[in-house]
């Protein structure tokens, strides 16, 4: 692997962060990756092994409260906080225009970023990021299964995820305890639900001027809005033998779709 692993000291909303990132240089347009809830920057490290991306600089980093990144006040973490973190990471690397890839929680953060700064985003690959209330199948559990103790909620969430009848769900559940701090879950999930229900995400997504790709697993082909967004110019990328996690279930297809989209 030719990428560099580093830590970025940042301050967001008065909170001192130590953000773990992987990145590499290049002379083509940069690609910025935002991981989903319960995942890490390593979801995207294999870009380094795919010749289709040769020459593209890339950045992937662990969101506050996730992976190797450190955040002393987990109660501050929310999607707006993650958006501000993303902006500071971009400023640190002096990246102005870029291809944007976000999965799930990272897809929602990416959408808010692209909506706020549409002129900076060359293309947006949305991997089952939230654009409608129905997308809160994970995050709405904070409402459906309330618990006063964050640790108790997280334990129960992990067990429900382990038993879910979806590709890679059990695999995903096995590392949740190691990839997310329990104290970060409430703020992340509450803000995801709030934005999905009330922030007009569909209009924001369809209003973006950049090319958009929406990637989804074949198990989620029943999402009610797929034909609607396709009719509005969004390119669809169904991934075979896959649920919510193409990077675990079918990474080859995921990388092929991303590279083909960025090339065109």
C-alpha atoms as a PDB file:
ATOM      1  CA  UNK A   1       0.000   0.000   0.000  1.00  0.00           C
ATOM      2  CA  UNK A   2       1.363   3.428  -0.943  1.00  0.00           C
ATOM      3  CA  UNK A   3      -0.918   5.575   1.188  1.00  0.00           C
ATOM      4  CA  UNK A   4       0.198   7.461   4.293  1.00  0.00           C
ATOM      5  CA  UNK A   5      -1.387   7.034   7.725  1.00  0.00           C
ATOM      6  CA  UNK A   6      -1.466  10.200   9.817  1.00  0.00           C
ATOM      7  CA  UNK A   7      -3.239  12.021  12.644  1.00  0.00           C
ATOM      8  CA  UNK A   8      -4.726  15.489  12.192  1.00  0.00           C
ATOM      9  CA  UNK A   9      -5.122  17.735  15.251  1.00  0.00           C
ATOM     10  CA  UNK A  10      -8.336  19.687  14.627  1.00  0.00           C
ATOM     11  CA  UNK A  11     -10.743  21.752  16.706  1.00  0.00           C
ATOM     12  CA  UNK A  12     -14.447  21.541  15.855  1.00  0.00           C
ATOM     13  CA  UNK A  13     -17.103  23.401  17.834  1.00  0.00           C
ATOM     14  CA  UNK A  14     -14.606  23.925  20.639  1.00  0.00           C
ATOM     15  CA  UNK A  15     -13.696  20.227  20.827  1.00  0.00           C
ATOM     16  CA  UNK A  16     -10.085  19.181  20.266  1.00  0.00           C
ATOM     17  CA  UNK A  17      -9.970  16.199  17.918  1.00  0.00           C
ATOM     18  CA  UNK A  18      -7.234  13.842  16.794  1.00  0.00           C
ATOM     19  CA  UNK A  19      -8.427  12.545  13.426  1.00  0.00           C
ATOM     20  CA  UNK A  20      -6.846   9.378  12.023  1.00  0.00           C
ATOM     21  CA  UNK A  21      -6.586   9.518   8.239  1.00  0.00           C
ATOM     22  CA  UNK A  22      -5.108   7.688   5.288  1.00  0.00           C
ATOM     23  CA  UNK A  23      -4.201   9.580   2.137  1.00  0.00           C
ATOM     24  CA  UNK A  24      -2.001   9.654  -0.913  1.00  0.00           C
ATOM     25  CA  UNK A  25      -0.903  12.260  -3.426  1.00  0.00           C
ATOM     26  CA  UNK A  26      -1.541  12.330  -7.167  1.00  0.00           C
ATOM     27  CA  UNK A  27      -1.980  14.593 -10.172  1.00  0.00           C
ATOM     28  CA  UNK A  28      -5.620  13.833 -10.996  1.00  0.00           C
ATOM     29  CA  UNK A  29      -8.814  14.942  -9.261  1.00  0.00           C
ATOM     30  CA  UNK A  30      -8.895  13.955  -5.560  1.00  0.00           C
ATOM     31  CA  UNK A  31     -11.421  11.480  -4.161  1.00  0.00           C
ATOM     32  CA  UNK A  32     -12.762  12.000  -0.631  1.00  0.00           C
ATOM     33  CA  UNK A  33     -14.377   9.080   1.215  1.00  0.00           C
ATOM     34  CA  UNK A  34     -16.730   9.338   4.204  1.00  0.00           C
ATOM     35  CA  UNK A  35     -17.428   6.042   5.954  1.00  0.00           C
ATOM     36  CA  UNK A  36     -20.703   4.873   7.447  1.00  0.00           C
ATOM     37  CA  UNK A  37     -21.755   4.278  11.026  1.00  0.00           C
ATOM     38  CA  UNK A  38     -19.822   1.362  12.467  1.00  0.00           C
ATOM     39  CA  UNK A  39     -17.198   1.475   9.732  1.00  0.00           C
ATOM     40  CA  UNK A  40     -13.783   3.096   9.364  1.00  0.00           C
ATOM     41  CA  UNK A  41     -11.412   4.622   6.845  1.00  0.00           C
ATOM     42  CA  UNK A  42     -10.087   1.139   6.027  1.00  0.00           C
ATOM     43  CA  UNK A  43     -13.327   0.450   4.124  1.00  0.00           C
ATOM     44  CA  UNK A  44     -11.673   2.387   1.310  1.00  0.00           C
ATOM     45  CA  UNK A  45      -7.990   1.509   1.657  1.00  0.00           C
ATOM     46  CA  UNK A  46      -8.188  -0.969  -1.227  1.00  0.00           C
ATOM     47  CA  UNK A  47      -8.511   1.895  -3.692  1.00  0.00           C
ATOM     48  CA  UNK A  48      -4.719   1.754  -3.605  1.00  0.00           C
ATOM     49  CA  UNK A  49      -4.842  -1.698  -5.252  1.00  0.00           C
ATOM     50  CA  UNK A  50      -7.134  -0.786  -8.159  1.00  0.00           C
ATOM     51  CA  UNK A  51      -5.281   0.520 -11.245  1.00  0.00           C
ATOM     52  CA  UNK A  52      -8.426   2.317 -12.422  1.00  0.00           C
ATOM     53  CA  UNK A  53      -7.742   4.936  -9.746  1.00  0.00           C
ATOM     54  CA  UNK A  54      -4.050   5.419 -10.479  1.00  0.00           C
ATOM     55  CA  UNK A  55      -3.101   9.074 -10.247  1.00  0.00           C
ATOM     56  CA  UNK A  56      -6.069  10.065  -8.091  1.00  0.00           C
ATOM     57  CA  UNK A  57      -5.159  11.445  -4.680  1.00  0.00           C
ATOM     58  CA  UNK A  58      -7.539  10.198  -2.001  1.00  0.00           C
ATOM     59  CA  UNK A  59      -8.436  10.855   1.617  1.00  0.00           C
ATOM     60  CA  UNK A  60     -10.334   8.619   4.017  1.00  0.00           C
ATOM     61  CA  UNK A  61     -10.499   9.254   7.736  1.00  0.00           C
ATOM     62  CA  UNK A  62     -12.180   7.974  10.876  1.00  0.00           C
ATOM     63  CA  UNK A  63     -15.061  10.205  11.942  1.00  0.00           C
ATOM     64  CA  UNK A  64     -14.959  11.512  15.527  1.00  0.00           C
ATOM     65  CA  UNK A  65     -16.023   8.776  17.921  1.00  0.00           C
ATOM     66  CA  UNK A  66     -15.084   6.108  15.394  1.00  0.00           C
ATOM     67  CA  UNK A  67     -12.040   3.986  14.612  1.00  0.00           C
ATOM     68  CA  UNK A  68      -8.727   5.465  15.673  1.00  0.00           C
ATOM     69  CA  UNK A  69      -9.937   9.064  15.870  1.00  0.00           C
ATOM     70  CA  UNK A  70     -10.144  10.636  19.318  1.00  0.00           C
ATOM     71  CA  UNK A  71     -12.903  12.939  20.573  1.00  0.00           C
ATOM     72  CA  UNK A  72     -13.002  13.866  24.280  1.00  0.00           C
ATOM     73  CA  UNK A  73     -16.652  14.982  24.218  1.00  0.00           C
ATOM     74  CA  UNK A  74     -18.726  12.307  22.478  1.00  0.00           C
ATOM     75  CA  UNK A  75     -21.976  14.134  23.267  1.00  0.00           C
ATOM     76  CA  UNK A  76     -21.093  16.812  20.686  1.00  0.00           C
ATOM     77  CA  UNK A  77     -21.061  14.362  17.777  1.00  0.00           C
ATOM     78  CA  UNK A  78     -23.879  14.682  15.236  1.00  0.00           C
ATOM     79  CA  UNK A  79     -24.176  14.945  11.468  1.00  0.00           C
ATOM     80  CA  UNK A  80     -23.594  18.745  11.555  1.00  0.00           C
ATOM     81  CA  UNK A  81     -20.492  18.114  13.707  1.00  0.00           C
ATOM     82  CA  UNK A  82     -19.280  15.501  11.201  1.00  0.00           C
ATOM     83  CA  UNK A  83     -19.865  17.984   8.379  1.00  0.00           C
ATOM     84  CA  UNK A  84     -17.728  20.596  10.116  1.00  0.00           C
ATOM     85  CA  UNK A  85     -15.059  17.940  10.666  1.00  0.00           C
ATOM     86  CA  UNK A  86     -15.087  17.086   6.955  1.00  0.00           C
ATOM     87  CA  UNK A  87     -14.606  20.739   6.036  1.00  0.00           C
ATOM     88  CA  UNK A  88     -11.616  21.012   8.332  1.00  0.00           C
ATOM     89  CA  UNK A  89     -10.072  17.845   6.881  1.00  0.00           C
ATOM     90  CA  UNK A  90     -10.467  19.297   3.384  1.00  0.00           C
ATOM     91  CA  UNK A  91      -8.877  22.551   4.529  1.00  0.00           C
ATOM     92  CA  UNK A  92      -5.974  20.682   6.123  1.00  0.00           C
ATOM     93  CA  UNK A  93      -5.177  18.938   2.838  1.00  0.00           C
ATOM     94  CA  UNK A  94      -5.902  22.111   0.824  1.00  0.00           C
ATOM     95  CA  UNK A  95      -8.453  20.337  -1.356  1.00  0.00           C
ATOM     96  CA  UNK A  96     -10.847  22.639  -3.164  1.00  0.00           C
ATOM     97  CA  UNK A  97     -12.633  20.426  -5.754  1.00  0.00           C
ATOM     98  CA  UNK A  98     -13.041  16.680  -5.441  1.00  0.00           C
ATOM     99  CA  UNK A  99     -15.038  13.558  -6.185  1.00  0.00           C
ATOM    100  CA  UNK A 100     -17.109  12.635  -3.125  1.00  0.00           C
ATOM    101  CA  UNK A 101     -18.015   9.125  -1.967  1.00  0.00           C
ATOM    102  CA  UNK A 102     -20.106   8.516   1.156  1.00  0.00           C
ATOM    103  CA  UNK A 103     -21.715   5.436   2.653  1.00  0.00           C
ATOM    104  CA  UNK A 104     -24.774   5.499   4.943  1.00  0.00           C
ATOM    105  CA  UNK A 105     -23.957   8.034   7.714  1.00  0.00           C
ATOM    106  CA  UNK A 106     -21.100   9.235   5.533  1.00  0.00           C
ATOM    107  CA  UNK A 107     -23.470   9.518   2.591  1.00  0.00           C
ATOM    108  CA  UNK A 108     -25.732  11.821   4.594  1.00  0.00           C
ATOM    109  CA  UNK A 109     -22.764  13.901   5.729  1.00  0.00           C
ATOM    110  CA  UNK A 110     -21.568  14.030   2.118  1.00  0.00           C
ATOM    111  CA  UNK A 111     -24.986  15.181   0.923  1.00  0.00           C
ATOM    112  CA  UNK A 112     -24.994  18.048   3.426  1.00  0.00           C
ATOM    113  CA  UNK A 113     -21.476  18.967   2.288  1.00  0.00           C
ATOM    114  CA  UNK A 114     -22.369  18.871  -1.406  1.00  0.00           C
ATOM    115  CA  UNK A 115     -25.544  20.882  -0.783  1.00  0.00           C
ATOM    116  CA  UNK A 116     -23.642  23.597   1.092  1.00  0.00           C
ATOM    117  CA  UNK A 117     -20.743  23.782  -1.391  1.00  0.00           C
ATOM    118  CA  UNK A 118     -22.102  22.496  -4.722  1.00  0.00           C
ATOM    119  CA  UNK A 119     -19.324  24.112  -6.739  1.00  0.00           C
ATOM    120  CA  UNK A 120     -16.642  22.058  -4.995  1.00  0.00           C
ATOM    121  CA  UNK A 121     -18.026  18.583  -5.721  1.00  0.00           C
ATOM    122  CA  UNK A 122     -17.107  17.081  -9.100  1.00  0.00           C
ATOM    123  CA  UNK A 123     -19.267  13.983  -8.599  1.00  0.00           C
ATOM    124  CA  UNK A 124     -21.149  12.336  -5.747  1.00  0.00           C
ATOM    125  CA  UNK A 125     -21.287   8.570  -5.218  1.00  0.00           C
ATOM    126  CA  UNK A 126     -23.955   7.978  -2.576  1.00  0.00           C
ATOM    127  CA  UNK A 127     -23.781   4.428  -1.186  1.00  0.00           C
ATOM    128  CA  UNK A 128     -27.166   4.044   0.510  1.00  0.00           C
ATOM    129  CA  UNK A 129     -26.824   7.381   2.248  1.00  0.00           C
ATOM    130  CA  UNK A 130     -29.993   8.808   3.764  1.00  0.00           C
ATOM    131  CA  UNK A 131     -32.177  10.743   1.348  1.00  0.00           C
ATOM    132  CA  UNK A 132     -35.624   9.771   2.716  1.00  0.00           C
ATOM    133  CA  UNK A 133     -37.213   8.761   6.050  1.00  0.00           C
ATOM    134  CA  UNK A 134     -37.266   5.095   5.019  1.00  0.00           C
ATOM    135  CA  UNK A 135     -33.458   5.042   5.042  1.00  0.00           C
ATOM    136  CA  UNK A 136     -33.327   5.152   8.852  1.00  0.00           C
ATOM    137  CA  UNK A 137     -33.534   1.381   9.291  1.00  0.00           C
ATOM    138  CA  UNK A 138     -30.474   1.463  11.567  1.00  0.00           C
ATOM    139  CA  UNK A 139     -30.618   4.935  13.084  1.00  0.00           C
ATOM    140  CA  UNK A 140     -34.362   4.887  13.888  1.00  0.00           C
ATOM    141  CA  UNK A 141     -33.678   2.157  16.400  1.00  0.00           C
ATOM    142  CA  UNK A 142     -32.749   4.985  18.782  1.00  0.00           C
ATOM    143  CA  UNK A 143     -36.489   5.818  18.704  1.00  0.00           C
ATOM    144  CA  UNK A 144     -37.918   2.309  18.406  1.00  0.00           C
ATOM    145  CA  UNK A 145     -35.743   0.775  21.152  1.00  0.00           C
ATOM    146  CA  UNK A 146     -35.055   3.625  23.595  1.00  0.00           C
ATOM    147  CA  UNK A 147     -32.676   3.039  26.504  1.00  0.00           C
ATOM    148  CA  UNK A 148     -31.376   5.396  29.197  1.00  0.00           C
ATOM    149  CA  UNK A 149     -27.984   3.707  29.226  1.00  0.00           C
ATOM    150  CA  UNK A 150     -25.925   4.210  26.032  1.00  0.00           C
ATOM    151  CA  UNK A 151     -24.006   0.987  26.684  1.00  0.00           C
ATOM    152  CA  UNK A 152     -27.237  -0.998  27.077  1.00  0.00           C
ATOM    153  CA  UNK A 153     -28.658   0.435  23.850  1.00  0.00           C
ATOM    154  CA  UNK A 154     -25.469  -0.337  21.945  1.00  0.00           C
ATOM    155  CA  UNK A 155     -25.295  -3.915  23.217  1.00  0.00           C
ATOM    156  CA  UNK A 156     -28.883  -4.539  22.135  1.00  0.00           C
ATOM    157  CA  UNK A 157     -28.274  -2.822  18.786  1.00  0.00           C
ATOM    158  CA  UNK A 158     -25.315  -5.088  18.115  1.00  0.00           C
ATOM    159  CA  UNK A 159     -27.379  -8.186  18.895  1.00  0.00           C
ATOM    160  CA  UNK A 160     -30.226  -7.098  16.626  1.00  0.00           C
ATOM    161  CA  UNK A 161     -27.727  -6.390  13.862  1.00  0.00           C
ATOM    162  CA  UNK A 162     -26.035  -9.756  14.321  1.00  0.00           C
ATOM    163  CA  UNK A 163     -29.336 -11.547  13.686  1.00  0.00           C
ATOM    164  CA  UNK A 164     -30.609  -9.387  10.832  1.00  0.00           C
ATOM    165  CA  UNK A 165     -31.273 -11.428   7.642  1.00  0.00           C
ATOM    166  CA  UNK A 166     -29.042  -9.299   5.426  1.00  0.00           C
ATOM    167  CA  UNK A 167     -25.748  -9.838   3.662  1.00  0.00           C
ATOM    168  CA  UNK A 168     -22.728  -9.000   5.869  1.00  0.00           C
ATOM    169  CA  UNK A 169     -24.899  -7.905   8.783  1.00  0.00           C
ATOM    170  CA  UNK A 170     -23.395 -10.426  11.201  1.00  0.00           C
ATOM    171  CA  UNK A 171     -19.901  -9.605   9.955  1.00  0.00           C
ATOM    172  CA  UNK A 172     -20.587  -5.901  10.446  1.00  0.00           C
ATOM    173  CA  UNK A 173     -21.927  -6.474  13.964  1.00  0.00           C
ATOM    174  CA  UNK A 174     -18.795  -8.323  15.055  1.00  0.00           C
ATOM    175  CA  UNK A 175     -16.622  -5.200  14.890  1.00  0.00           C
ATOM    176  CA  UNK A 176     -19.112  -2.546  16.010  1.00  0.00           C
ATOM    177  CA  UNK A 177     -17.860  -2.575  19.588  1.00  0.00           C
ATOM    178  CA  UNK A 178     -14.317  -1.886  18.354  1.00  0.00           C
ATOM    179  CA  UNK A 179     -15.191   0.759  15.762  1.00  0.00           C
ATOM    180  CA  UNK A 180     -17.680   3.037  17.549  1.00  0.00           C
ATOM    181  CA  UNK A 181     -17.764   4.498  21.039  1.00  0.00           C
ATOM    182  CA  UNK A 182     -21.152   3.913  22.655  1.00  0.00           C
ATOM    183  CA  UNK A 183     -21.315   7.513  23.799  1.00  0.00           C
ATOM    184  CA  UNK A 184     -21.327   8.729  20.193  1.00  0.00           C
ATOM    185  CA  UNK A 185     -24.326   6.682  19.071  1.00  0.00           C
ATOM    186  CA  UNK A 186     -27.162   8.799  20.475  1.00  0.00           C
ATOM    187  CA  UNK A 187     -26.146  12.065  18.842  1.00  0.00           C
ATOM    188  CA  UNK A 188     -25.374  10.441  15.510  1.00  0.00           C
ATOM    189  CA  UNK A 189     -28.615   8.470  15.323  1.00  0.00           C
ATOM    190  CA  UNK A 190     -30.852  11.288  16.581  1.00  0.00           C
ATOM    191  CA  UNK A 191     -29.457  13.734  14.041  1.00  0.00           C
ATOM    192  CA  UNK A 192     -29.762  11.200  11.225  1.00  0.00           C
ATOM    193  CA  UNK A 193     -33.434  10.642  12.015  1.00  0.00           C
ATOM    194  CA  UNK A 194     -34.117  14.361  12.401  1.00  0.00           C
ATOM    195  CA  UNK A 195     -32.491  15.239   9.087  1.00  0.00           C
ATOM    196  CA  UNK A 196     -34.080  12.317   7.235  1.00  0.00           C
ATOM    197  CA  UNK A 197     -37.562  13.237   8.467  1.00  0.00           C
ATOM    198  CA  UNK A 198     -37.439  17.017   8.300  1.00  0.00           C
ATOM    199  CA  UNK A 199     -34.550  18.407   6.232  1.00  0.00           C
ATOM    200  CA  UNK A 200     -35.823  17.852   2.688  1.00  0.00           C
ATOM    201  CA  UNK A 201     -32.954  15.545   1.812  1.00  0.00           C
ATOM    202  CA  UNK A 202     -34.528  14.313  -1.416  1.00  0.00           C
ATOM    203  CA  UNK A 203     -34.788  17.856  -2.753  1.00  0.00           C
ATOM    204  CA  UNK A 204     -31.215  18.541  -1.704  1.00  0.00           C
ATOM    205  CA  UNK A 205     -29.992  15.389  -3.459  1.00  0.00           C
ATOM    206  CA  UNK A 206     -31.906  15.974  -6.680  1.00  0.00           C
ATOM    207  CA  UNK A 207     -30.902  19.635  -6.675  1.00  0.00           C
ATOM    208  CA  UNK A 208     -27.170  18.954  -6.771  1.00  0.00           C
ATOM    209  CA  UNK A 209     -25.578  20.158 -10.021  1.00  0.00           C
ATOM    210  CA  UNK A 210     -22.883  17.475 -10.085  1.00  0.00           C
ATOM    211  CA  UNK A 211     -23.266  13.969 -11.553  1.00  0.00           C
ATOM    212  CA  UNK A 212     -24.784  11.622  -8.952  1.00  0.00           C
ATOM    213  CA  UNK A 213     -24.551   7.863  -8.538  1.00  0.00           C
ATOM    214  CA  UNK A 214     -26.783   6.053  -6.044  1.00  0.00           C
ATOM    215  CA  UNK A 215     -25.425   2.635  -5.111  1.00  0.00           C
ATOM    216  CA  UNK A 216     -27.573   0.061  -3.294  1.00  0.00           C
ATOM    217  CA  UNK A 217     -27.530  -3.629  -2.510  1.00  0.00           C
ATOM    218  CA  UNK A 218     -29.933  -5.904  -4.342  1.00  0.00           C
ATOM    219  CA  UNK A 219     -31.597  -6.715  -1.002  1.00  0.00           C
ATOM    220  CA  UNK A 220     -32.652  -3.064  -0.877  1.00  0.00           C
ATOM    221  CA  UNK A 221     -34.020  -2.888  -4.409  1.00  0.00           C
ATOM    222  CA  UNK A 222     -37.430  -2.203  -2.875  1.00  0.00           C
ATOM    223  CA  UNK A 223     -36.492   1.341  -1.857  1.00  0.00           C
ATOM    224  CA  UNK A 224     -39.513   3.353  -2.941  1.00  0.00           C
ATOM    225  CA  UNK A 225     -37.640   6.245  -4.538  1.00  0.00           C
ATOM    226  CA  UNK A 226     -35.255   4.465  -6.942  1.00  0.00           C
ATOM    227  CA  UNK A 227     -37.322   5.063 -10.093  1.00  0.00           C
ATOM    228  CA  UNK A 228     -37.940   8.660  -8.996  1.00  0.00           C
ATOM    229  CA  UNK A 229     -34.284   9.589  -8.607  1.00  0.00           C
ATOM    230  CA  UNK A 230     -33.380   7.774 -11.818  1.00  0.00           C
ATOM    231  CA  UNK A 231     -35.986   9.836 -13.665  1.00  0.00           C
ATOM    232  CA  UNK A 232     -34.239  12.939 -12.310  1.00  0.00           C
ATOM    233  CA  UNK A 233     -30.890  11.994 -13.795  1.00  0.00           C
ATOM    234  CA  UNK A 234     -29.339   9.967 -10.986  1.00  0.00           C
ATOM    235  CA  UNK A 235     -27.354   6.955 -12.151  1.00  0.00           C
ATOM    236  CA  UNK A 236     -28.316   3.771 -10.288  1.00  0.00           C
ATOM    237  CA  UNK A 237     -25.790   1.110  -9.333  1.00  0.00           C
ATOM    238  CA  UNK A 238     -27.387  -2.065  -7.938  1.00  0.00           C
ATOM    239  CA  UNK A 239     -24.850  -4.404  -6.333  1.00  0.00           C
ATOM    240  CA  UNK A 240     -25.543  -8.142  -6.571  1.00  0.00           C
ATOM    241  CA  UNK A 241     -25.479 -10.424  -3.517  1.00  0.00           C
ATOM    242  CA  UNK A 242     -25.395  -7.403  -1.246  1.00  0.00           C
ATOM    243  CA  UNK A 243     -27.381  -5.600   1.420  1.00  0.00           C
ATOM    244  CA  UNK A 244     -26.277  -2.313   2.976  1.00  0.00           C
ATOM    245  CA  UNK A 245     -22.530  -3.006   2.850  1.00  0.00           C
ATOM    246  CA  UNK A 246     -21.061  -3.407  -0.661  1.00  0.00           C
ATOM    247  CA  UNK A 247     -17.540  -2.902   0.705  1.00  0.00           C
ATOM    248  CA  UNK A 248     -17.969  -6.149   2.677  1.00  0.00           C
ATOM    249  CA  UNK A 249     -20.290  -8.200   0.463  1.00  0.00           C
ATOM    250  CA  UNK A 250     -19.185  -7.349  -3.067  1.00  0.00           C
ATOM    251  CA  UNK A 251     -16.241  -4.932  -3.057  1.00  0.00           C
ATOM    252  CA  UNK A 252     -15.211  -5.776  -6.609  1.00  0.00           C
ATOM    253  CA  UNK A 253     -18.551  -4.591  -7.956  1.00  0.00           C
ATOM    254  CA  UNK A 254     -18.425  -1.506  -5.722  1.00  0.00           C
ATOM    255  CA  UNK A 255     -15.027  -0.414  -7.020  1.00  0.00           C
ATOM    256  CA  UNK A 256     -15.990  -1.130 -10.631  1.00  0.00           C
ATOM    257  CA  UNK A 257     -19.072   1.071 -10.321  1.00  0.00           C
ATOM    258  CA  UNK A 258     -17.193   3.923  -8.657  1.00  0.00           C
ATOM    259  CA  UNK A 259     -14.353   3.879 -11.185  1.00  0.00           C
ATOM    260  CA  UNK A 260     -16.700   3.718 -14.179  1.00  0.00           C
ATOM    261  CA  UNK A 261     -18.736   6.626 -12.793  1.00  0.00           C
ATOM    262  CA  UNK A 262     -15.739   8.841 -12.108  1.00  0.00           C
ATOM    263  CA  UNK A 263     -14.304   8.118 -15.566  1.00  0.00           C
ATOM    264  CA  UNK A 264     -17.523   9.244 -17.244  1.00  0.00           C
END
